[in-house]
Amino acid sequence: MTKAYWISAYQSINDNDALAAYAELAGPSLSAAGGKFLARGMPAAVKENGLKMRTVLIEFESLDAALAAYDSPGYKEALAKLGSNAVVREIRIIEGI
């Protein structure tokens, strides 16, 4: 089975308290769904047109597991802590090769 990777690339953080409340719930929820945090934090270097903003990389055993984690009740509860404008980010879920 092909592993899947969840990449969160932040463009701006407007409310650090909301992000902290989100992270407190999101981390355990995604880990419970089988996610393994491989990297998180500020990039050491940014090339091309990238932004020097928070990035998170999580590995899952499969695409289905990653998608189920995103749709899980625990992760939805975490998302609610962000409200409508605490962060601007992209989440990409891709299959490994």
PDB file of N, CA and C in Angstrom:
ATOM      1  N   MET A   1       0.842  -1.176   0.000  1.00  0.00           N
ATOM      2  CA  MET A   1       0.000   0.000   0.000  1.00  0.00           C
ATOM      3  C   MET A   1       0.894   1.249   0.000  1.00  0.00           C
ATOM      4  N   THR A   2       0.517   2.240  -0.765  1.00  0.00           N
ATOM      5  CA  THR A   2       1.279   3.479  -0.882  1.00  0.00           C
ATOM      6  C   THR A   2       0.968   4.428   0.277  1.00  0.00           C
ATOM      7  N   LYS A   3       2.004   4.949   0.872  1.00  0.00           N
ATOM      8  CA  LYS A   3       1.808   5.925   1.945  1.00  0.00           C
ATOM      9  C   LYS A   3       1.296   7.238   1.370  1.00  0.00           C
ATOM     10  N   ALA A   4       0.747   8.058   2.233  1.00  0.00           N
ATOM     11  CA  ALA A   4       0.260   9.382   1.831  1.00  0.00           C
ATOM     12  C   ALA A   4       0.867  10.415   2.772  1.00  0.00           C
ATOM     13  N   TYR A   5       0.987  11.626   2.262  1.00  0.00           N
ATOM     14  CA  TYR A   5       1.607  12.708   3.015  1.00  0.00           C
ATOM     15  C   TYR A   5       0.689  13.917   3.026  1.00  0.00           C
ATOM     16  N   TRP A   6       0.530  14.487   4.197  1.00  0.00           N
ATOM     17  CA  TRP A   6      -0.297  15.667   4.424  1.00  0.00           C
ATOM     18  C   TRP A   6       0.678  16.821   4.617  1.00  0.00           C
ATOM     19  N   ILE A   7       0.563  17.819   3.787  1.00  0.00           N
ATOM     20  CA  ILE A   7       1.433  18.983   3.867  1.00  0.00           C
ATOM     21  C   ILE A   7       0.572  20.205   4.157  1.00  0.00           C
ATOM     22  N   SER A   8       0.853  20.860   5.265  1.00  0.00           N
ATOM     23  CA  SER A   8       0.188  22.125   5.603  1.00  0.00           C
ATOM     24  C   SER A   8       1.203  23.228   5.374  1.00  0.00           C
ATOM     25  N   ALA A   9       0.898  24.130   4.452  1.00  0.00           N
ATOM     26  CA  ALA A   9       1.785  25.253   4.147  1.00  0.00           C
ATOM     27  C   ALA A   9       1.046  26.541   4.514  1.00  0.00           C
ATOM     28  N   TYR A  10       1.521  27.188   5.540  1.00  0.00           N
ATOM     29  CA  TYR A  10       0.884  28.410   6.030  1.00  0.00           C
ATOM     30  C   TYR A  10       1.331  29.607   5.202  1.00  0.00           C
ATOM     31  N   GLN A  11       0.397  30.501   4.948  1.00  0.00           N
ATOM     32  CA  GLN A  11       0.697  31.745   4.245  1.00  0.00           C
ATOM     33  C   GLN A  11       0.682  32.924   5.203  1.00  0.00           C
ATOM     34  N   SER A  12      -0.170  32.846   6.228  1.00  0.00           N
ATOM     35  CA  SER A  12      -0.161  33.856   7.287  1.00  0.00           C
ATOM     36  C   SER A  12      -0.817  33.273   8.539  1.00  0.00           C
ATOM     37  N   ILE A  13      -0.379  33.782   9.679  1.00  0.00           N
ATOM     38  CA  ILE A  13      -0.953  33.414  10.969  1.00  0.00           C
ATOM     39  C   ILE A  13      -1.446  34.705  11.592  1.00  0.00           C
ATOM     40  N   ASN A  14      -2.757  34.799  11.761  1.00  0.00           N
ATOM     41  CA  ASN A  14      -3.380  36.018  12.253  1.00  0.00           C
ATOM     42  C   ASN A  14      -3.749  35.964  13.731  1.00  0.00           C
ATOM     43  N   ASP A  15      -3.793  34.759  14.307  1.00  0.00           N
ATOM     44  CA  ASP A  15      -4.189  34.603  15.706  1.00  0.00           C
ATOM     45  C   ASP A  15      -3.406  33.430  16.297  1.00  0.00           C
ATOM     46  N   ASN A  16      -2.301  33.742  16.977  1.00  0.00           N
ATOM     47  CA  ASN A  16      -1.452  32.698  17.549  1.00  0.00           C
ATOM     48  C   ASN A  16      -2.149  31.898  18.639  1.00  0.00           C
ATOM     49  N   ASP A  17      -3.045  32.527  19.391  1.00  0.00           N
ATOM     50  CA  ASP A  17      -3.769  31.802  20.445  1.00  0.00           C
ATOM     51  C   ASP A  17      -4.702  30.758  19.833  1.00  0.00           C
ATOM     52  N   ALA A  18      -5.398  31.126  18.770  1.00  0.00           N
ATOM     53  CA  ALA A  18      -6.281  30.174  18.087  1.00  0.00           C
ATOM     54  C   ALA A  18      -5.470  29.039  17.479  1.00  0.00           C
ATOM     55  N   LEU A  19      -4.312  29.346  16.912  1.00  0.00           N
ATOM     56  CA  LEU A  19      -3.456  28.305  16.341  1.00  0.00           C
ATOM     57  C   LEU A  19      -2.989  27.348  17.436  1.00  0.00           C
ATOM     58  N   ALA A  20      -2.634  27.866  18.597  1.00  0.00           N
ATOM     59  CA  ALA A  20      -2.207  27.011  19.707  1.00  0.00           C
ATOM     60  C   ALA A  20      -3.351  26.107  20.174  1.00  0.00           C
ATOM     61  N   ALA A  21      -4.572  26.645  20.251  1.00  0.00           N
ATOM     62  CA  ALA A  21      -5.735  25.847  20.654  1.00  0.00           C
ATOM     63  C   ALA A  21      -6.019  24.758  19.624  1.00  0.00           C
ATOM     64  N   TYR A  22      -5.881  25.102  18.337  1.00  0.00           N
ATOM     65  CA  TYR A  22      -6.035  24.131  17.252  1.00  0.00           C
ATOM     66  C   TYR A  22      -4.992  23.017  17.384  1.00  0.00           C
ATOM     67  N   ALA A  23      -3.724  23.396  17.571  1.00  0.00           N
ATOM     68  CA  ALA A  23      -2.631  22.421  17.624  1.00  0.00           C
ATOM     69  C   ALA A  23      -2.793  21.459  18.801  1.00  0.00           C
ATOM     70  N   GLU A  24      -3.311  21.971  19.906  1.00  0.00           N
ATOM     71  CA  GLU A  24      -3.513  21.133  21.085  1.00  0.00           C
ATOM     72  C   GLU A  24      -4.469  19.975  20.799  1.00  0.00           C
ATOM     73  N   LEU A  25      -5.450  20.210  19.942  1.00  0.00           N
ATOM     74  CA  LEU A  25      -6.409  19.160  19.575  1.00  0.00           C
ATOM     75  C   LEU A  25      -5.995  18.419  18.304  1.00  0.00           C
ATOM     76  N   ALA A  26      -5.448  19.133  17.340  1.00  0.00           N
ATOM     77  CA  ALA A  26      -5.133  18.529  16.043  1.00  0.00           C
ATOM     78  C   ALA A  26      -4.037  17.480  16.149  1.00  0.00           C
ATOM     79  N   GLY A  27      -2.977  17.773  16.883  1.00  0.00           N
ATOM     80  CA  GLY A  27      -1.865  16.824  16.990  1.00  0.00           C
ATOM     81  C   GLY A  27      -2.312  15.457  17.488  1.00  0.00           C
ATOM     82  N   PRO A  28      -2.956  15.391  18.645  1.00  0.00           N
ATOM     83  CA  PRO A  28      -3.420  14.091  19.144  1.00  0.00           C
ATOM     84  C   PRO A  28      -4.450  13.431  18.224  1.00  0.00           C
ATOM     85  N   SER A  29      -5.325  14.236  17.617  1.00  0.00           N
ATOM     86  CA  SER A  29      -6.342  13.672  16.728  1.00  0.00           C
ATOM     87  C   SER A  29      -5.697  13.016  15.504  1.00  0.00           C
ATOM     88  N   LEU A  30      -4.741  13.703  14.896  1.00  0.00           N
ATOM     89  CA  LEU A  30      -4.089  13.159  13.702  1.00  0.00           C
ATOM     90  C   LEU A  30      -3.192  11.980  14.053  1.00  0.00           C
ATOM     91  N   SER A  31      -2.539  12.030  15.200  1.00  0.00           N
ATOM     92  CA  SER A  31      -1.727  10.885  15.641  1.00  0.00           C
ATOM     93  C   SER A  31      -2.614   9.668  15.903  1.00  0.00           C
ATOM     94  N   ALA A  32      -3.764   9.877  16.527  1.00  0.00           N
ATOM     95  CA  ALA A  32      -4.694   8.778  16.799  1.00  0.00           C
ATOM     96  C   ALA A  32      -5.225   8.165  15.511  1.00  0.00           C
ATOM     97  N   ALA A  33      -5.260   8.957  14.452  1.00  0.00           N
ATOM     98  CA  ALA A  33      -5.734   8.463  13.148  1.00  0.00           C
ATOM     99  C   ALA A  33      -4.604   7.815  12.351  1.00  0.00           C
ATOM    100  N   GLY A  34      -3.443   7.657  12.977  1.00  0.00           N
ATOM    101  CA  GLY A  34      -2.335   6.988  12.311  1.00  0.00           C
ATOM    102  C   GLY A  34      -1.296   7.916  11.715  1.00  0.00           C
ATOM    103  N   GLY A  35      -1.463   9.218  11.907  1.00  0.00           N
ATOM    104  CA  GLY A  35      -0.504  10.179  11.358  1.00  0.00           C
ATOM    105  C   GLY A  35       0.793  10.190  12.140  1.00  0.00           C
ATOM    106  N   LYS A  36       1.898  10.272  11.412  1.00  0.00           N
ATOM    107  CA  LYS A  36       3.228  10.365  12.013  1.00  0.00           C
ATOM    108  C   LYS A  36       3.824  11.702  11.594  1.00  0.00           C
ATOM    109  N   PHE A  37       4.028  12.600  12.553  1.00  0.00           N
ATOM    110  CA  PHE A  37       4.583  13.916  12.250  1.00  0.00           C
ATOM    111  C   PHE A  37       6.055  13.754  11.877  1.00  0.00           C
ATOM    112  N   LEU A  38       6.389  14.161  10.663  1.00  0.00           N
ATOM    113  CA  LEU A  38       7.762  14.065  10.182  1.00  0.00           C
ATOM    114  C   LEU A  38       8.508  15.385  10.320  1.00  0.00           C
ATOM    115  N   ALA A  39       7.806  16.497  10.180  1.00  0.00           N
ATOM    116  CA  ALA A  39       8.429  17.820  10.299  1.00  0.00           C
ATOM    117  C   ALA A  39       7.349  18.842  10.591  1.00  0.00           C
ATOM    118  N   ARG A  40       7.716  19.858  11.389  1.00  0.00           N
ATOM    119  CA  ARG A  40       6.814  20.982  11.618  1.00  0.00           C
ATOM    120  C   ARG A  40       7.622  22.147  12.139  1.00  0.00           C
ATOM    121  N   GLY A  41       7.237  23.324  11.712  1.00  0.00           N
ATOM    122  CA  GLY A  41       7.921  24.523  12.153  1.00  0.00           C
ATOM    123  C   GLY A  41       8.261  25.426  10.983  1.00  0.00           C
ATOM    124  N   MET A  42       9.220  26.293  11.228  1.00  0.00           N
ATOM    125  CA  MET A  42       9.657  27.234  10.198  1.00  0.00           C
ATOM    126  C   MET A  42      10.685  26.558   9.298  1.00  0.00           C
ATOM    127  N   PRO A  43      10.624  26.804   7.985  1.00  0.00           N
ATOM    128  CA  PRO A  43      11.605  26.202   7.091  1.00  0.00           C
ATOM    129  C   PRO A  43      13.012  26.755   7.342  1.00  0.00           C
ATOM    130  N   ALA A  44      13.994  25.901   7.177  1.00  0.00           N
ATOM    131  CA  ALA A  44      15.387  26.319   7.321  1.00  0.00           C
ATOM    132  C   ALA A  44      15.812  27.190   6.146  1.00  0.00           C
ATOM    133  N   ALA A  45      15.218  26.943   4.997  1.00  0.00           N
ATOM    134  CA  ALA A  45      15.520  27.729   3.792  1.00  0.00           C
ATOM    135  C   ALA A  45      14.272  27.749   2.927  1.00  0.00           C
ATOM    136  N   VAL A  46      14.098  28.829   2.195  1.00  0.00           N
ATOM    137  CA  VAL A  46      12.972  28.964   1.271  1.00  0.00           C
ATOM    138  C   VAL A  46      13.553  29.314  -0.096  1.00  0.00           C
ATOM    139  N   LYS A  47      13.156  28.578  -1.108  1.00  0.00           N
ATOM    140  CA  LYS A  47      13.663  28.796  -2.461  1.00  0.00           C
ATOM    141  C   LYS A  47      12.508  29.119  -3.400  1.00  0.00           C
ATOM    142  N   GLU A  48      12.858  29.655  -4.545  1.00  0.00           N
ATOM    143  CA  GLU A  48      11.903  29.997  -5.595  1.00  0.00           C
ATOM    144  C   GLU A  48      10.890  31.007  -5.056  1.00  0.00           C
ATOM    145  N   ASN A  49       9.592  30.721  -5.129  1.00  0.00           N
ATOM    146  CA  ASN A  49       8.577  31.685  -4.678  1.00  0.00           C
ATOM    147  C   ASN A  49       7.955  31.320  -3.334  1.00  0.00           C
ATOM    148  N   GLY A  50       8.635  30.493  -2.546  1.00  0.00           N
ATOM    149  CA  GLY A  50       8.094  30.046  -1.278  1.00  0.00           C
ATOM    150  C   GLY A  50       8.042  31.149  -0.230  1.00  0.00           C
ATOM    151  N   LEU A  51       7.234  30.921   0.782  1.00  0.00           N
ATOM    152  CA  LEU A  51       7.111  31.831   1.913  1.00  0.00           C
ATOM    153  C   LEU A  51       7.800  31.213   3.122  1.00  0.00           C
ATOM    154  N   LYS A  52       8.479  32.009   3.894  1.00  0.00           N
ATOM    155  CA  LYS A  52       9.105  31.515   5.119  1.00  0.00           C
ATOM    156  C   LYS A  52       8.054  31.530   6.225  1.00  0.00           C
ATOM    157  N   MET A  53       7.195  30.538   6.166  1.00  0.00           N
ATOM    158  CA  MET A  53       6.089  30.401   7.107  1.00  0.00           C
ATOM    159  C   MET A  53       6.024  28.957   7.595  1.00  0.00           C
ATOM    160  N   ARG A  54       5.290  28.755   8.657  1.00  0.00           N
ATOM    161  CA  ARG A  54       5.127  27.424   9.260  1.00  0.00           C
ATOM    162  C   ARG A  54       4.722  26.391   8.214  1.00  0.00           C
ATOM    163  N   THR A  55       5.345  25.219   8.309  1.00  0.00           N
ATOM    164  CA  THR A  55       5.045  24.097   7.420  1.00  0.00           C
ATOM    165  C   THR A  55       4.963  22.836   8.280  1.00  0.00           C
ATOM    166  N   VAL A  56       4.021  21.955   7.945  1.00  0.00           N
ATOM    167  CA  VAL A  56       3.850  20.706   8.680  1.00  0.00           C
ATOM    168  C   VAL A  56       3.777  19.567   7.673  1.00  0.00           C
ATOM    169  N   LEU A  57       4.495  18.477   7.958  1.00  0.00           N
ATOM    170  CA  LEU A  57       4.498  17.289   7.104  1.00  0.00           C
ATOM    171  C   LEU A  57       4.143  16.080   7.958  1.00  0.00           C
ATOM    172  N   ILE A  58       3.072  15.376   7.571  1.00  0.00           N
ATOM    173  CA  ILE A  58       2.586  14.216   8.318  1.00  0.00           C
ATOM    174  C   ILE A  58       2.476  13.037   7.360  1.00  0.00           C
ATOM    175  N   GLU A  59       2.949  11.881   7.788  1.00  0.00           N
ATOM    176  CA  GLU A  59       2.869  10.660   6.986  1.00  0.00           C
ATOM    177  C   GLU A  59       1.710   9.787   7.480  1.00  0.00           C
ATOM    178  N   PHE A  60       0.969   9.224   6.534  1.00  0.00           N
ATOM    179  CA  PHE A  60      -0.096   8.269   6.834  1.00  0.00           C
ATOM    180  C   PHE A  60       0.162   6.984   6.062  1.00  0.00           C
ATOM    181  N   GLU A  61      -0.376   5.897   6.538  1.00  0.00           N
ATOM    182  CA  GLU A  61      -0.175   4.601   5.889  1.00  0.00           C
ATOM    183  C   GLU A  61      -0.832   4.516   4.517  1.00  0.00           C
ATOM    184  N   SER A  62      -1.851   5.346   4.271  1.00  0.00           N
ATOM    185  CA  SER A  62      -2.544   5.307   2.983  1.00  0.00           C
ATOM    186  C   SER A  62      -3.275   6.628   2.744  1.00  0.00           C
ATOM    187  N   LEU A  63      -3.682   6.826   1.506  1.00  0.00           N
ATOM    188  CA  LEU A  63      -4.481   7.998   1.156  1.00  0.00           C
ATOM    189  C   LEU A  63      -5.800   7.974   1.920  1.00  0.00           C
ATOM    190  N   ASP A  64      -6.430   6.799   1.986  1.00  0.00           N
ATOM    191  CA  ASP A  64      -7.700   6.694   2.711  1.00  0.00           C
ATOM    192  C   ASP A  64      -7.543   7.091   4.178  1.00  0.00           C
ATOM    193  N   ALA A  65      -6.432   6.706   4.799  1.00  0.00           N
ATOM    194  CA  ALA A  65      -6.207   7.043   6.208  1.00  0.00           C
ATOM    195  C   ALA A  65      -6.044   8.558   6.377  1.00  0.00           C
ATOM    196  N   ALA A  66      -5.326   9.193   5.461  1.00  0.00           N
ATOM    197  CA  ALA A  66      -5.133  10.648   5.549  1.00  0.00           C
ATOM    198  C   ALA A  66      -6.451  11.390   5.358  1.00  0.00           C
ATOM    199  N   LEU A  67      -7.238  10.956   4.386  1.00  0.00           N
ATOM    200  CA  LEU A  67      -8.526  11.608   4.133  1.00  0.00           C
ATOM    201  C   LEU A  67      -9.485  11.391   5.298  1.00  0.00           C
ATOM    202  N   ALA A  68      -9.469  10.188   5.866  1.00  0.00           N
ATOM    203  CA  ALA A  68     -10.324   9.904   7.026  1.00  0.00           C
ATOM    204  C   ALA A  68      -9.910  10.751   8.223  1.00  0.00           C
ATOM    205  N   ALA A  69      -8.608  10.973   8.391  1.00  0.00           N
ATOM    206  CA  ALA A  69      -8.132  11.811   9.496  1.00  0.00           C
ATOM    207  C   ALA A  69      -8.661  13.231   9.350  1.00  0.00           C
ATOM    208  N   TYR A  70      -8.620  13.750   8.137  1.00  0.00           N
ATOM    209  CA  TYR A  70      -9.111  15.112   7.904  1.00  0.00           C
ATOM    210  C   TYR A  70     -10.602  15.216   8.212  1.00  0.00           C
ATOM    211  N   ASP A  71     -11.353  14.188   7.889  1.00  0.00           N
ATOM    212  CA  ASP A  71     -12.806  14.193   8.079  1.00  0.00           C
ATOM    213  C   ASP A  71     -13.250  13.714   9.466  1.00  0.00           C
ATOM    214  N   SER A  72     -12.302  13.361  10.329  1.00  0.00           N
ATOM    215  CA  SER A  72     -12.649  12.791  11.634  1.00  0.00           C
ATOM    216  C   SER A  72     -13.271  13.841  12.562  1.00  0.00           C
ATOM    217  N   PRO A  73     -14.103  13.395  13.491  1.00  0.00           N
ATOM    218  CA  PRO A  73     -14.701  14.325  14.462  1.00  0.00           C
ATOM    219  C   PRO A  73     -13.654  15.083  15.273  1.00  0.00           C
ATOM    220  N   GLY A  74     -12.585  14.415  15.675  1.00  0.00           N
ATOM    221  CA  GLY A  74     -11.549  15.074  16.460  1.00  0.00           C
ATOM    222  C   GLY A  74     -10.869  16.195  15.690  1.00  0.00           C
ATOM    223  N   TYR A  75     -10.606  15.969  14.403  1.00  0.00           N
ATOM    224  CA  TYR A  75      -9.957  17.013  13.613  1.00  0.00           C
ATOM    225  C   TYR A  75     -10.936  18.153  13.327  1.00  0.00           C
ATOM    226  N   LYS A  76     -12.203  17.824  13.121  1.00  0.00           N
ATOM    227  CA  LYS A  76     -13.202  18.882  12.920  1.00  0.00           C
ATOM    228  C   LYS A  76     -13.298  19.771  14.157  1.00  0.00           C
ATOM    229  N   GLU A  77     -13.179  19.173  15.334  1.00  0.00           N
ATOM    230  CA  GLU A  77     -13.190  19.956  16.578  1.00  0.00           C
ATOM    231  C   GLU A  77     -11.976  20.884  16.614  1.00  0.00           C
ATOM    232  N   ALA A  78     -10.822  20.374  16.181  1.00  0.00           N
ATOM    233  CA  ALA A  78      -9.614  21.200  16.134  1.00  0.00           C
ATOM    234  C   ALA A  78      -9.790  22.356  15.155  1.00  0.00           C
ATOM    235  N   LEU A  79     -10.331  22.069  13.975  1.00  0.00           N
ATOM    236  CA  LEU A  79     -10.552  23.113  12.971  1.00  0.00           C
ATOM    237  C   LEU A  79     -11.444  24.231  13.496  1.00  0.00           C
ATOM    238  N   ALA A  80     -12.427  23.865  14.307  1.00  0.00           N
ATOM    239  CA  ALA A  80     -13.341  24.863  14.854  1.00  0.00           C
ATOM    240  C   ALA A  80     -12.589  25.890  15.705  1.00  0.00           C
ATOM    241  N   LYS A  81     -11.480  25.491  16.325  1.00  0.00           N
ATOM    242  CA  LYS A  81     -10.679  26.410  17.144  1.00  0.00           C
ATOM    243  C   LYS A  81     -10.015  27.497  16.300  1.00  0.00           C
ATOM    244  N   LEU A  82      -9.811  27.226  14.989  1.00  0.00           N
ATOM    245  CA  LEU A  82      -9.195  28.224  14.113  1.00  0.00           C
ATOM    246  C   LEU A  82     -10.170  29.328  13.725  1.00  0.00           C
ATOM    247  N   GLY A  83     -11.465  29.039  13.811  1.00  0.00           N
ATOM    248  CA  GLY A  83     -12.436  30.037  13.373  1.00  0.00           C
ATOM    249  C   GLY A  83     -12.297  30.305  11.886  1.00  0.00           C
ATOM    250  N   SER A  84     -12.682  31.495  11.479  1.00  0.00           N
ATOM    251  CA  SER A  84     -12.715  31.779  10.040  1.00  0.00           C
ATOM    252  C   SER A  84     -11.468  32.469   9.504  1.00  0.00           C
ATOM    253  N   ASN A  85     -10.650  33.073  10.386  1.00  0.00           N
ATOM    254  CA  ASN A  85      -9.496  33.775   9.825  1.00  0.00           C
ATOM    255  C   ASN A  85      -8.255  33.746  10.704  1.00  0.00           C
ATOM    256  N   ALA A  86      -8.096  32.738  11.547  1.00  0.00           N
ATOM    257  CA  ALA A  86      -6.904  32.658  12.398  1.00  0.00           C
ATOM    258  C   ALA A  86      -5.651  32.395  11.573  1.00  0.00           C
ATOM    259  N   VAL A  87      -5.809  31.615  10.502  1.00  0.00           N
ATOM    260  CA  VAL A  87      -4.680  31.307   9.618  1.00  0.00           C
ATOM    261  C   VAL A  87      -5.143  31.299   8.172  1.00  0.00           C
ATOM    262  N   VAL A  88      -4.195  31.508   7.293  1.00  0.00           N
ATOM    263  CA  VAL A  88      -4.385  31.280   5.861  1.00  0.00           C
ATOM    264  C   VAL A  88      -3.355  30.223   5.507  1.00  0.00           C
ATOM    265  N   ARG A  89      -3.815  29.096   4.962  1.00  0.00           N
ATOM    266  CA  ARG A  89      -2.905  28.008   4.648  1.00  0.00           C
ATOM    267  C   ARG A  89      -3.488  27.122   3.571  1.00  0.00           C
ATOM    268  N   GLU A  90      -2.643  26.282   3.049  1.00  0.00           N
ATOM    269  CA  GLU A  90      -3.055  25.228   2.128  1.00  0.00           C
ATOM    270  C   GLU A  90      -2.776  23.906   2.812  1.00  0.00           C
ATOM    271  N   ILE A  91      -3.670  22.966   2.640  1.00  0.00           N
ATOM    272  CA  ILE A  91      -3.397  21.591   3.051  1.00  0.00           C
ATOM    273  C   ILE A  91      -3.449  20.759   1.788  1.00  0.00           C
ATOM    274  N   ARG A  92      -2.366  20.051   1.535  1.00  0.00           N
ATOM    275  CA  ARG A  92      -2.296  19.150   0.379  1.00  0.00           C
ATOM    276  C   ARG A  92      -2.070  17.754   0.900  1.00  0.00           C
ATOM    277  N   ILE A  93      -2.827  16.815   0.372  1.00  0.00           N
ATOM    278  CA  ILE A  93      -2.666  15.407   0.716  1.00  0.00           C
ATOM    279  C   ILE A  93      -2.272  14.693  -0.567  1.00  0.00           C
ATOM    280  N   ILE A  94      -1.071  14.108  -0.560  1.00  0.00           N
ATOM    281  CA  ILE A  94      -0.573  13.458  -1.775  1.00  0.00           C
ATOM    282  C   ILE A  94      -0.113  12.038  -1.456  1.00  0.00           C
ATOM    283  N   GLU A  95      -0.188  11.165  -2.455  1.00  0.00           N
ATOM    284  CA  GLU A  95       0.313   9.803  -2.308  1.00  0.00           C
ATOM    285  C   GLU A  95       1.814   9.776  -2.566  1.00  0.00           C
ATOM    286  N   GLY A  96       2.487   8.916  -1.838  1.00  0.00           N
ATOM    287  CA  GLY A  96       3.919   8.723  -2.043  1.00  0.00           C
ATOM    288  C   GLY A  96       4.169   7.941  -3.324  1.00  0.00           C
ATOM    289  N   ILE A  97       5.425   7.846  -3.670  1.00  0.00           N
ATOM    290  CA  ILE A  97       5.796   7.105  -4.887  1.00  0.00           C
ATOM    291  C   ILE A  97       6.554   5.848  -4.531  1.00  0.00           C
TER     292      ILE A  97
END
